[in-house]
All heavy atoms as atom14 arrays in JSON, in Angstrom:
{
  "sequence": "APDAVFVGGGVTAPGVLPACWDALGEGGRLVANGVTVQAEQELAR",
  "atom14_mask": [
    [1, 1, 1, 1, 1, 0, 0, 0, 0, 0, 0, 0, 0, 0],
    [1, 1, 1, 1, 1, 1, 1, 0, 0, 0, 0, 0, 0, 0],
    [1, 1, 1, 1, 1, 1, 1, 1, 0, 0, 0, 0, 0, 0],
    [1, 1, 1, 1, 1, 0, 0, 0, 0, 0, 0, 0, 0, 0],
    [1, 1, 1, 1, 1, 1, 1, 0, 0, 0, 0, 0, 0, 0],
    [1, 1, 1, 1, 1, 1, 1, 1, 1, 1, 1, 0, 0, 0],
    [1, 1, 1, 1, 1, 1, 1, 0, 0, 0, 0, 0, 0, 0],
    [1, 1, 1, 1, 0, 0, 0, 0, 0, 0, 0, 0, 0, 0],
    [1, 1, 1, 1, 0, 0, 0, 0, 0, 0, 0, 0, 0, 0],
    [1, 1, 1, 1, 0, 0, 0, 0, 0, 0, 0, 0, 0, 0],
    [1, 1, 1, 1, 1, 1, 1, 0, 0, 0, 0, 0, 0, 0],
    [1, 1, 1, 1, 1, 1, 1, 0, 0, 0, 0, 0, 0, 0],
    [1, 1, 1, 1, 1, 0, 0, 0, 0, 0, 0, 0, 0, 0],
    [1, 1, 1, 1, 1, 1, 1, 0, 0, 0, 0, 0, 0, 0],
    [1, 1, 1, 1, 0, 0, 0, 0, 0, 0, 0, 0, 0, 0],
    [1, 1, 1, 1, 1, 1, 1, 0, 0, 0, 0, 0, 0, 0],
    [1, 1, 1, 1, 1, 1, 1, 1, 0, 0, 0, 0, 0, 0],
    [1, 1, 1, 1, 1, 1, 1, 0, 0, 0, 0, 0, 0, 0],
    [1, 1, 1, 1, 1, 0, 0, 0, 0, 0, 0, 0, 0, 0],
    [1, 1, 1, 1, 1, 1, 0, 0, 0, 0, 0, 0, 0, 0],
    [1, 1, 1, 1, 1, 1, 1, 1, 1, 1, 1, 1, 1, 1],
    [1, 1, 1, 1, 1, 1, 1, 1, 0, 0, 0, 0, 0, 0],
    [1, 1, 1, 1, 1, 0, 0, 0, 0, 0, 0, 0, 0, 0],
    [1, 1, 1, 1, 1, 1, 1, 1, 0, 0, 0, 0, 0, 0],
    [1, 1, 1, 1, 0, 0, 0, 0, 0, 0, 0, 0, 0, 0],
    [1, 1, 1, 1, 1, 1, 1, 1, 1, 0, 0, 0, 0, 0],
    [1, 1, 1, 1, 0, 0, 0, 0, 0, 0, 0, 0, 0, 0],
    [1, 1, 1, 1, 0, 0, 0, 0, 0, 0, 0, 0, 0, 0],
    [1, 1, 1, 1, 1, 1, 1, 1, 1, 1, 1, 0, 0, 0],
    [1, 1, 1, 1, 1, 1, 1, 1, 0, 0, 0, 0, 0, 0],
    [1, 1, 1, 1, 1, 1, 1, 0, 0, 0, 0, 0, 0, 0],
    [1, 1, 1, 1, 1, 0, 0, 0, 0, 0, 0, 0, 0, 0],
    [1, 1, 1, 1, 1, 1, 1, 1, 0, 0, 0, 0, 0, 0],
    [1, 1, 1, 1, 0, 0, 0, 0, 0, 0, 0, 0, 0, 0],
    [1, 1, 1, 1, 1, 1, 1, 0, 0, 0, 0, 0, 0, 0],
    [1, 1, 1, 1, 1, 1, 1, 0, 0, 0, 0, 0, 0, 0],
    [1, 1, 1, 1, 1, 1, 1, 0, 0, 0, 0, 0, 0, 0],
    [1, 1, 1, 1, 1, 1, 1, 1, 1, 0, 0, 0, 0, 0],
    [1, 1, 1, 1, 1, 0, 0, 0, 0, 0, 0, 0, 0, 0],
    [1, 1, 1, 1, 1, 1, 1, 1, 1, 0, 0, 0, 0, 0],
    [1, 1, 1, 1, 1, 1, 1, 1, 1, 0, 0, 0, 0, 0],
    [1, 1, 1, 1, 1, 1, 1, 1, 1, 0, 0, 0, 0, 0],
    [1, 1, 1, 1, 1, 1, 1, 1, 0, 0, 0, 0, 0, 0],
    [1, 1, 1, 1, 1, 0, 0, 0, 0, 0, 0, 0, 0, 0],
    [1, 1, 1, 1, 1, 1, 1, 1, 1, 1, 1, 0, 0, 0]
  ],
  "atom14_positions": [
    [[0.87, -1.19, 0.0], [0.06, -0.06, -0.02], [0.75, 1.19, -0.01], [1.8, 1.41, 0.79], [-0.92, -0.01, 1.23], [0.0, 0.0, 0.0], [0.0, 0.0, 0.0], [0.0, 0.0, 0.0], [0.0, 0.0, 0.0], [0.0, 0.0, 0.0], [0.0, 0.0, 0.0], [0.0, 0.0, 0.0], [0.0, 0.0, 0.0], [0.0, 0.0, 0.0]],
    [[0.57, 2.19, -0.83], [1.42, 3.49, -0.93], [0.97, 4.59, -0.01], [-0.24, 4.52, 0.49], [1.15, 3.85, -2.4], [-0.4, 3.55, -2.64], [-0.49, 2.18, -1.89], [0.0, 0.0, 0.0], [0.0, 0.0, 0.0], [0.0, 0.0, 0.0], [0.0, 0.0, 0.0], [0.0, 0.0, 0.0], [0.0, 0.0, 0.0], [0.0, 0.0, 0.0]],
    [[1.84, 5.4, 0.36], [1.46, 6.61, 1.02], [1.22, 7.65, 0.12], [0.35, 8.6, 0.44], [2.75, 7.1, 1.89], [3.06, 6.07, 2.92], [2.31, 5.92, 3.9], [4.1, 5.32, 2.81], [0.0, 0.0, 0.0], [0.0, 0.0, 0.0], [0.0, 0.0, 0.0], [0.0, 0.0, 0.0], [0.0, 0.0, 0.0], [0.0, 0.0, 0.0]],
    [[1.59, 7.62, -1.19], [1.25, 8.65, -2.18], [1.29, 7.97, -3.5], [2.11, 6.94, -3.69], [2.22, 9.81, -2.03], [0.0, 0.0, 0.0], [0.0, 0.0, 0.0], [0.0, 0.0, 0.0], [0.0, 0.0, 0.0], [0.0, 0.0, 0.0], [0.0, 0.0, 0.0], [0.0, 0.0, 0.0], [0.0, 0.0, 0.0], [0.0, 0.0, 0.0]],
    [[0.53, 8.5, -4.55], [0.65, 7.96, -5.97], [0.79, 9.19, -6.84], [-0.01, 10.12, -6.66], [-0.74, 7.2, -6.16], [-0.79, 6.65, -7.65], [-0.87, 6.0, -5.24], [0.0, 0.0, 0.0], [0.0, 0.0, 0.0], [0.0, 0.0, 0.0], [0.0, 0.0, 0.0], [0.0, 0.0, 0.0], [0.0, 0.0, 0.0], [0.0, 0.0, 0.0]],
    [[1.53, 8.99, -7.89], [1.62, 9.83, -8.88], [1.29, 9.04, -10.24], [1.91, 7.99, -10.46], [3.04, 10.43, -9.03], [3.24, 11.21, -10.48], [2.41, 12.26, -10.6], [4.16, 10.94, -11.33], [2.59, 13.01, -11.89], [4.47, 11.61, -12.51], [3.51, 12.75, -12.73], [0.0, 0.0, 0.0], [0.0, 0.0, 0.0], [0.0, 0.0, 0.0]],
    [[0.41, 9.57, -11.0], [0.0, 9.08, -12.26], [0.44, 9.96, -13.29], [-0.07, 11.04, -13.59], [-1.47, 8.85, -12.38], [-1.84, 8.02, -13.71], [-2.09, 7.93, -11.24], [0.0, 0.0, 0.0], [0.0, 0.0, 0.0], [0.0, 0.0, 0.0], [0.0, 0.0, 0.0], [0.0, 0.0, 0.0], [0.0, 0.0, 0.0], [0.0, 0.0, 0.0]],
    [[1.65, 9.67, -13.91], [2.22, 10.35, -15.0], [1.79, 10.05, -16.39], [1.81, 10.81, -17.3], [0.0, 0.0, 0.0], [0.0, 0.0, 0.0], [0.0, 0.0, 0.0], [0.0, 0.0, 0.0], [0.0, 0.0, 0.0], [0.0, 0.0, 0.0], [0.0, 0.0, 0.0], [0.0, 0.0, 0.0], [0.0, 0.0, 0.0], [0.0, 0.0, 0.0]],
    [[1.36, 8.79, -16.59], [0.89, 8.31, -17.87], [-0.34, 7.42, -17.62], [-0.34, 6.64, -16.65], [0.0, 0.0, 0.0], [0.0, 0.0, 0.0], [0.0, 0.0, 0.0], [0.0, 0.0, 0.0], [0.0, 0.0, 0.0], [0.0, 0.0, 0.0], [0.0, 0.0, 0.0], [0.0, 0.0, 0.0], [0.0, 0.0, 0.0], [0.0, 0.0, 0.0]],
    [[-1.18, 7.23, -18.6], [-2.24, 6.25, -18.5], [-3.48, 6.84, -17.77], [-4.31, 6.03, -17.24], [0.0, 0.0, 0.0], [0.0, 0.0, 0.0], [0.0, 0.0, 0.0], [0.0, 0.0, 0.0], [0.0, 0.0, 0.0], [0.0, 0.0, 0.0], [0.0, 0.0, 0.0], [0.0, 0.0, 0.0], [0.0, 0.0, 0.0], [0.0, 0.0, 0.0]],
    [[-3.62, 8.19, -17.58], [-4.75, 8.67, -16.77], [-6.11, 8.34, -17.58], [-7.11, 8.11, -16.76], [-4.68, 10.15, -16.87], [-5.94, 10.95, -16.41], [-3.43, 10.67, -15.84], [0.0, 0.0, 0.0], [0.0, 0.0, 0.0], [0.0, 0.0, 0.0], [0.0, 0.0, 0.0], [0.0, 0.0, 0.0], [0.0, 0.0, 0.0], [0.0, 0.0, 0.0]],
    [[-6.03, 8.21, -18.81], [-7.38, 7.72, -19.45], [-7.58, 6.28, -19.61], [-8.7, 5.89, -19.92], [-7.33, 8.41, -21.09], [-6.31, 7.86, -21.67], [-7.29, 9.83, -20.94], [0.0, 0.0, 0.0], [0.0, 0.0, 0.0], [0.0, 0.0, 0.0], [0.0, 0.0, 0.0], [0.0, 0.0, 0.0], [0.0, 0.0, 0.0], [0.0, 0.0, 0.0]],
    [[-6.67, 5.42, -19.12], [-6.8, 3.99, -19.13], [-7.89, 3.65, -18.21], [-7.85, 4.09, -17.0], [-5.5, 3.29, -18.86], [0.0, 0.0, 0.0], [0.0, 0.0, 0.0], [0.0, 0.0, 0.0], [0.0, 0.0, 0.0], [0.0, 0.0, 0.0], [0.0, 0.0, 0.0], [0.0, 0.0, 0.0], [0.0, 0.0, 0.0], [0.0, 0.0, 0.0]],
    [[-8.84, 2.76, -18.62], [-10.0, 2.5, -17.68], [-9.52, 1.74, -16.27], [-8.75, 0.89, -16.4], [-10.77, 1.42, -18.46], [-10.41, 1.75, -19.86], [-8.9, 2.27, -19.87], [0.0, 0.0, 0.0], [0.0, 0.0, 0.0], [0.0, 0.0, 0.0], [0.0, 0.0, 0.0], [0.0, 0.0, 0.0], [0.0, 0.0, 0.0], [0.0, 0.0, 0.0]],
    [[-10.0, 2.35, -15.27], [-9.69, 1.88, -13.97], [-8.54, 2.22, -13.27], [-8.2, 1.9, -12.17], [0.0, 0.0, 0.0], [0.0, 0.0, 0.0], [0.0, 0.0, 0.0], [0.0, 0.0, 0.0], [0.0, 0.0, 0.0], [0.0, 0.0, 0.0], [0.0, 0.0, 0.0], [0.0, 0.0, 0.0], [0.0, 0.0, 0.0], [0.0, 0.0, 0.0]],
    [[-7.66, 3.03, -13.95], [-6.32, 3.42, -13.35], [-6.56, 4.4, -12.13], [-6.11, 4.15, -11.03], [-5.38, 4.08, -14.36], [-4.18, 4.72, -13.64], [-4.85, 2.99, -15.36], [0.0, 0.0, 0.0], [0.0, 0.0, 0.0], [0.0, 0.0, 0.0], [0.0, 0.0, 0.0], [0.0, 0.0, 0.0], [0.0, 0.0, 0.0], [0.0, 0.0, 0.0]],
    [[-7.21, 5.46, -12.46], [-7.46, 6.49, -11.34], [-8.25, 5.86, -10.09], [-7.82, 5.98, -8.99], [-8.17, 7.69, -11.76], [-7.21, 8.65, -12.66], [-8.01, 9.89, -13.04], [-5.9, 9.15, -11.79], [0.0, 0.0, 0.0], [0.0, 0.0, 0.0], [0.0, 0.0, 0.0], [0.0, 0.0, 0.0], [0.0, 0.0, 0.0], [0.0, 0.0, 0.0]],
    [[-9.27, 5.03, -10.36], [-10.0, 4.4, -9.28], [-9.09, 3.44, -8.5], [-9.29, 3.5, -7.22], [-11.23, 3.73, -9.99], [-11.39, 4.47, -11.25], [-10.1, 4.91, -11.7], [0.0, 0.0, 0.0], [0.0, 0.0, 0.0], [0.0, 0.0, 0.0], [0.0, 0.0, 0.0], [0.0, 0.0, 0.0], [0.0, 0.0, 0.0], [0.0, 0.0, 0.0]],
    [[-8.28, 2.74, -9.19], [-7.38, 1.71, -8.4], [-6.49, 2.44, -7.62], [-6.12, 2.02, -6.53], [-6.63, 0.88, -9.5], [0.0, 0.0, 0.0], [0.0, 0.0, 0.0], [0.0, 0.0, 0.0], [0.0, 0.0, 0.0], [0.0, 0.0, 0.0], [0.0, 0.0, 0.0], [0.0, 0.0, 0.0], [0.0, 0.0, 0.0], [0.0, 0.0, 0.0]],
    [[-5.86, 3.59, -8.02], [-4.96, 4.39, -7.3], [-5.66, 4.99, -6.07], [-4.98, 4.98, -4.92], [-4.28, 5.31, -8.19], [-3.15, 4.75, -9.57], [0.0, 0.0, 0.0], [0.0, 0.0, 0.0], [0.0, 0.0, 0.0], [0.0, 0.0, 0.0], [0.0, 0.0, 0.0], [0.0, 0.0, 0.0], [0.0, 0.0, 0.0], [0.0, 0.0, 0.0]],
    [[-6.73, 5.54, -6.34], [-7.51, 6.12, -5.16], [-7.79, 5.07, -4.09], [-7.59, 5.3, -2.94], [-8.82, 6.78, -5.72], [-9.66, 7.2, -4.6], [-10.69, 6.77, -4.09], [-9.53, 8.5, -3.95], [-11.21, 7.57, -3.02], [-10.56, 8.63, -3.07], [-8.61, 9.62, -4.16], [-10.72, 9.66, -2.22], [-8.77, 10.73, -3.23], [-9.85, 10.79, -2.35]],
    [[-8.36, 3.99, -4.53], [-8.71, 2.95, -3.56], [-7.46, 2.32, -2.76], [-7.58, 2.01, -1.53], [-9.38, 1.7, -4.27], [-10.71, 2.17, -4.78], [-11.29, 3.05, -4.38], [-11.21, 1.32, -5.75], [0.0, 0.0, 0.0], [0.0, 0.0, 0.0], [0.0, 0.0, 0.0], [0.0, 0.0, 0.0], [0.0, 0.0, 0.0], [0.0, 0.0, 0.0]],
    [[-6.29, 2.44, -3.36], [-5.11, 1.95, -2.68], [-4.52, 2.84, -1.53], [-3.89, 2.34, -0.66], [-3.97, 1.63, -3.64], [0.0, 0.0, 0.0], [0.0, 0.0, 0.0], [0.0, 0.0, 0.0], [0.0, 0.0, 0.0], [0.0, 0.0, 0.0], [0.0, 0.0, 0.0], [0.0, 0.0, 0.0], [0.0, 0.0, 0.0], [0.0, 0.0, 0.0]],
    [[-5.06, 4.11, -1.57], [-4.56, 5.01, -0.6], [-5.39, 5.0, 0.69], [-6.51, 4.63, 0.73], [-4.68, 6.43, -1.11], [-3.67, 6.84, -2.32], [-4.1, 8.12, -2.79], [-2.23, 6.94, -1.71], [0.0, 0.0, 0.0], [0.0, 0.0, 0.0], [0.0, 0.0, 0.0], [0.0, 0.0, 0.0], [0.0, 0.0, 0.0], [0.0, 0.0, 0.0]],
    [[-4.54, 5.08, 1.8], [-5.17, 5.23, 3.13], [-5.46, 6.54, 3.48], [-5.18, 7.55, 2.7], [0.0, 0.0, 0.0], [0.0, 0.0, 0.0], [0.0, 0.0, 0.0], [0.0, 0.0, 0.0], [0.0, 0.0, 0.0], [0.0, 0.0, 0.0], [0.0, 0.0, 0.0], [0.0, 0.0, 0.0], [0.0, 0.0, 0.0], [0.0, 0.0, 0.0]],
    [[-6.04, 6.91, 4.68], [-6.2, 8.19, 5.13], [-4.99, 9.0, 5.2], [-4.05, 8.58, 5.61], [-6.78, 8.1, 6.6], [-6.95, 9.44, 7.19], [-7.53, 9.37, 8.57], [-7.89, 8.24, 9.11], [-7.39, 10.32, 9.36], [0.0, 0.0, 0.0], [0.0, 0.0, 0.0], [0.0, 0.0, 0.0], [0.0, 0.0, 0.0], [0.0, 0.0, 0.0]],
    [[-4.96, 10.25, 4.69], [-3.91, 11.06, 4.42], [-2.98, 10.75, 3.22], [-2.04, 11.57, 3.04], [0.0, 0.0, 0.0], [0.0, 0.0, 0.0], [0.0, 0.0, 0.0], [0.0, 0.0, 0.0], [0.0, 0.0, 0.0], [0.0, 0.0, 0.0], [0.0, 0.0, 0.0], [0.0, 0.0, 0.0], [0.0, 0.0, 0.0], [0.0, 0.0, 0.0]],
    [[-3.37, 9.8, 2.54], [-2.61, 9.62, 1.22], [-2.82, 10.76, 0.24], [-3.87, 11.35, 0.2], [0.0, 0.0, 0.0], [0.0, 0.0, 0.0], [0.0, 0.0, 0.0], [0.0, 0.0, 0.0], [0.0, 0.0, 0.0], [0.0, 0.0, 0.0], [0.0, 0.0, 0.0], [0.0, 0.0, 0.0], [0.0, 0.0, 0.0], [0.0, 0.0, 0.0]],
    [[-1.83, 10.95, -0.46], [-1.89, 11.94, -1.58], [-1.86, 11.42, -2.93], [-1.12, 10.37, -3.14], [-0.63, 12.86, -1.43], [-0.7, 13.8, -0.15], [-0.14, 13.11, 1.08], [1.38, 12.9, 0.86], [2.03, 11.97, 1.68], [1.33, 11.19, 2.59], [3.3, 11.8, 1.59], [0.0, 0.0, 0.0], [0.0, 0.0, 0.0], [0.0, 0.0, 0.0]],
    [[-2.62, 11.93, -3.81], [-2.56, 11.49, -5.23], [-2.36, 12.7, -6.09], [-3.12, 13.71, -5.95], [-4.01, 10.75, -5.56], [-3.97, 9.95, -6.92], [-5.1, 8.92, -6.87], [-4.32, 10.91, -8.13], [0.0, 0.0, 0.0], [0.0, 0.0, 0.0], [0.0, 0.0, 0.0], [0.0, 0.0, 0.0], [0.0, 0.0, 0.0], [0.0, 0.0, 0.0]],
    [[-1.48, 12.62, -7.04], [-1.38, 13.66, -8.05], [-1.3, 13.05, -9.45], [-0.65, 11.82, -9.63], [0.06, 14.38, -7.92], [0.26, 15.43, -8.97], [0.14, 14.96, -6.45], [0.0, 0.0, 0.0], [0.0, 0.0, 0.0], [0.0, 0.0, 0.0], [0.0, 0.0, 0.0], [0.0, 0.0, 0.0], [0.0, 0.0, 0.0], [0.0, 0.0, 0.0]],
    [[-2.04, 13.54, -10.49], [-2.12, 13.05, -11.67], [-1.89, 14.12, -12.74], [-2.52, 15.23, -12.59], [-3.37, 12.3, -11.97], [0.0, 0.0, 0.0], [0.0, 0.0, 0.0], [0.0, 0.0, 0.0], [0.0, 0.0, 0.0], [0.0, 0.0, 0.0], [0.0, 0.0, 0.0], [0.0, 0.0, 0.0], [0.0, 0.0, 0.0], [0.0, 0.0, 0.0]],
    [[-1.27, 13.84, -13.73], [-1.0, 14.87, -14.9], [-1.64, 14.42, -16.18], [-1.62, 13.18, -16.44], [0.6, 15.15, -14.93], [1.16, 15.88, -14.01], [0.55, 16.43, -13.12], [2.52, 16.07, -14.06], [0.0, 0.0, 0.0], [0.0, 0.0, 0.0], [0.0, 0.0, 0.0], [0.0, 0.0, 0.0], [0.0, 0.0, 0.0], [0.0, 0.0, 0.0]],
    [[-1.97, 15.38, -17.03], [-2.48, 15.07, -18.27], [-2.28, 16.18, -19.27], [-2.19, 17.39, -18.91], [0.0, 0.0, 0.0], [0.0, 0.0, 0.0], [0.0, 0.0, 0.0], [0.0, 0.0, 0.0], [0.0, 0.0, 0.0], [0.0, 0.0, 0.0], [0.0, 0.0, 0.0], [0.0, 0.0, 0.0], [0.0, 0.0, 0.0], [0.0, 0.0, 0.0]],
    [[-2.07, 15.79, -20.54], [-1.59, 16.88, -21.6], [-2.73, 16.86, -22.68], [-2.65, 17.75, -23.49], [-0.17, 16.8, -22.1], [0.75, 17.04, -20.98], [-0.06, 15.53, -22.74], [0.0, 0.0, 0.0], [0.0, 0.0, 0.0], [0.0, 0.0, 0.0], [0.0, 0.0, 0.0], [0.0, 0.0, 0.0], [0.0, 0.0, 0.0], [0.0, 0.0, 0.0]],
    [[-3.59, 15.87, -22.81], [-4.53, 15.88, -23.9], [-5.99, 16.32, -23.32], [-6.15, 16.32, -22.02], [-4.67, 14.33, -24.39], [-5.17, 13.44, -23.34], [-3.28, 13.81, -24.79], [0.0, 0.0, 0.0], [0.0, 0.0, 0.0], [0.0, 0.0, 0.0], [0.0, 0.0, 0.0], [0.0, 0.0, 0.0], [0.0, 0.0, 0.0], [0.0, 0.0, 0.0]],
    [[-6.87, 16.51, -24.15], [-8.18, 16.86, -23.81], [-8.82, 15.86, -23.1], [-9.6, 15.97, -21.99], [-8.98, 17.25, -25.09], [-10.43, 17.45, -24.83], [-8.3, 18.59, -25.79], [0.0, 0.0, 0.0], [0.0, 0.0, 0.0], [0.0, 0.0, 0.0], [0.0, 0.0, 0.0], [0.0, 0.0, 0.0], [0.0, 0.0, 0.0], [0.0, 0.0, 0.0]],
    [[-8.63, 14.67, -23.61], [-9.29, 13.43, -22.96], [-8.71, 13.17, -21.55], [-9.43, 12.98, -20.64], [-9.08, 12.16, -23.8], [-9.74, 12.1, -25.11], [-8.98, 13.04, -26.16], [-7.86, 13.54, -25.97], [-9.68, 13.21, -27.3], [0.0, 0.0, 0.0], [0.0, 0.0, 0.0], [0.0, 0.0, 0.0], [0.0, 0.0, 0.0], [0.0, 0.0, 0.0]],
    [[-7.44, 13.5, -21.31], [-6.94, 13.36, -19.92], [-7.42, 14.37, -19.03], [-7.79, 14.16, -17.83], [-5.37, 13.21, -20.0], [0.0, 0.0, 0.0], [0.0, 0.0, 0.0], [0.0, 0.0, 0.0], [0.0, 0.0, 0.0], [0.0, 0.0, 0.0], [0.0, 0.0, 0.0], [0.0, 0.0, 0.0], [0.0, 0.0, 0.0], [0.0, 0.0, 0.0]],
    [[-7.61, 15.64, -19.6], [-8.09, 16.67, -18.84], [-9.53, 16.48, -18.42], [-9.89, 16.74, -17.25], [-8.08, 17.97, -19.6], [-8.25, 19.27, -18.86], [-8.11, 20.44, -19.65], [-8.93, 20.87, -20.41], [-7.0, 21.17, -19.44], [0.0, 0.0, 0.0], [0.0, 0.0, 0.0], [0.0, 0.0, 0.0], [0.0, 0.0, 0.0], [0.0, 0.0, 0.0]],
    [[-10.33, 15.73, -19.28], [-11.74, 15.45, -18.84], [-11.69, 14.39, -17.74], [-12.5, 14.65, -16.92], [-12.43, 14.99, -20.2], [-12.67, 15.88, -21.15], [-13.16, 15.3, -22.52], [-13.05, 14.11, -22.7], [-13.69, 16.17, -23.38], [0.0, 0.0, 0.0], [0.0, 0.0, 0.0], [0.0, 0.0, 0.0], [0.0, 0.0, 0.0], [0.0, 0.0, 0.0]],
    [[-10.84, 13.51, -17.77], [-10.77, 12.48, -16.72], [-10.41, 13.15, -15.45], [-11.02, 12.93, -14.4], [-9.89, 11.34, -16.96], [-10.14, 10.43, -18.08], [-11.4, 9.55, -17.7], [-11.56, 9.37, -16.55], [-12.3, 9.27, -18.59], [0.0, 0.0, 0.0], [0.0, 0.0, 0.0], [0.0, 0.0, 0.0], [0.0, 0.0, 0.0], [0.0, 0.0, 0.0]],
    [[-9.39, 14.08, -15.41], [-9.06, 14.77, -14.25], [-10.14, 15.61, -13.63], [-10.31, 15.77, -12.55], [-7.66, 15.51, -14.49], [-6.52, 14.69, -14.93], [-5.32, 15.6, -15.15], [-6.17, 13.64, -13.79], [0.0, 0.0, 0.0], [0.0, 0.0, 0.0], [0.0, 0.0, 0.0], [0.0, 0.0, 0.0], [0.0, 0.0, 0.0], [0.0, 0.0, 0.0]],
    [[-10.76, 16.22, -14.63], [-11.99, 17.14, -14.04], [-13.08, 16.34, -13.41], [-13.66, 16.77, -12.44], [-12.53, 17.88, -15.4], [0.0, 0.0, 0.0], [0.0, 0.0, 0.0], [0.0, 0.0, 0.0], [0.0, 0.0, 0.0], [0.0, 0.0, 0.0], [0.0, 0.0, 0.0], [0.0, 0.0, 0.0], [0.0, 0.0, 0.0], [0.0, 0.0, 0.0]],
    [[-13.24, 15.15, -14.01], [-14.35, 14.16, -13.37], [-13.82, 13.78, -11.94], [-14.64, 13.72, -11.01], [-14.57, 13.04, -14.26], [-15.63, 13.24, -15.38], [-16.02, 11.96, -16.06], [-14.96, 11.34, -16.82], [-14.91, 11.65, -18.12], [-15.75, 12.51, -18.79], [-13.93, 11.04, -18.94], [0.0, 0.0, 0.0], [0.0, 0.0, 0.0], [0.0, 0.0, 0.0]]
  ]
}
């Protein structure tokens, strides 16, 4: 289990952001980057 997660690639891949979120415990930090319109939409959601 991680204390923090960075998603630098694959933001739009199905299930990646939910799996990373679920792996974090209380106080865990998640940062995700995107450069495409589709990735930006996922991050906005």
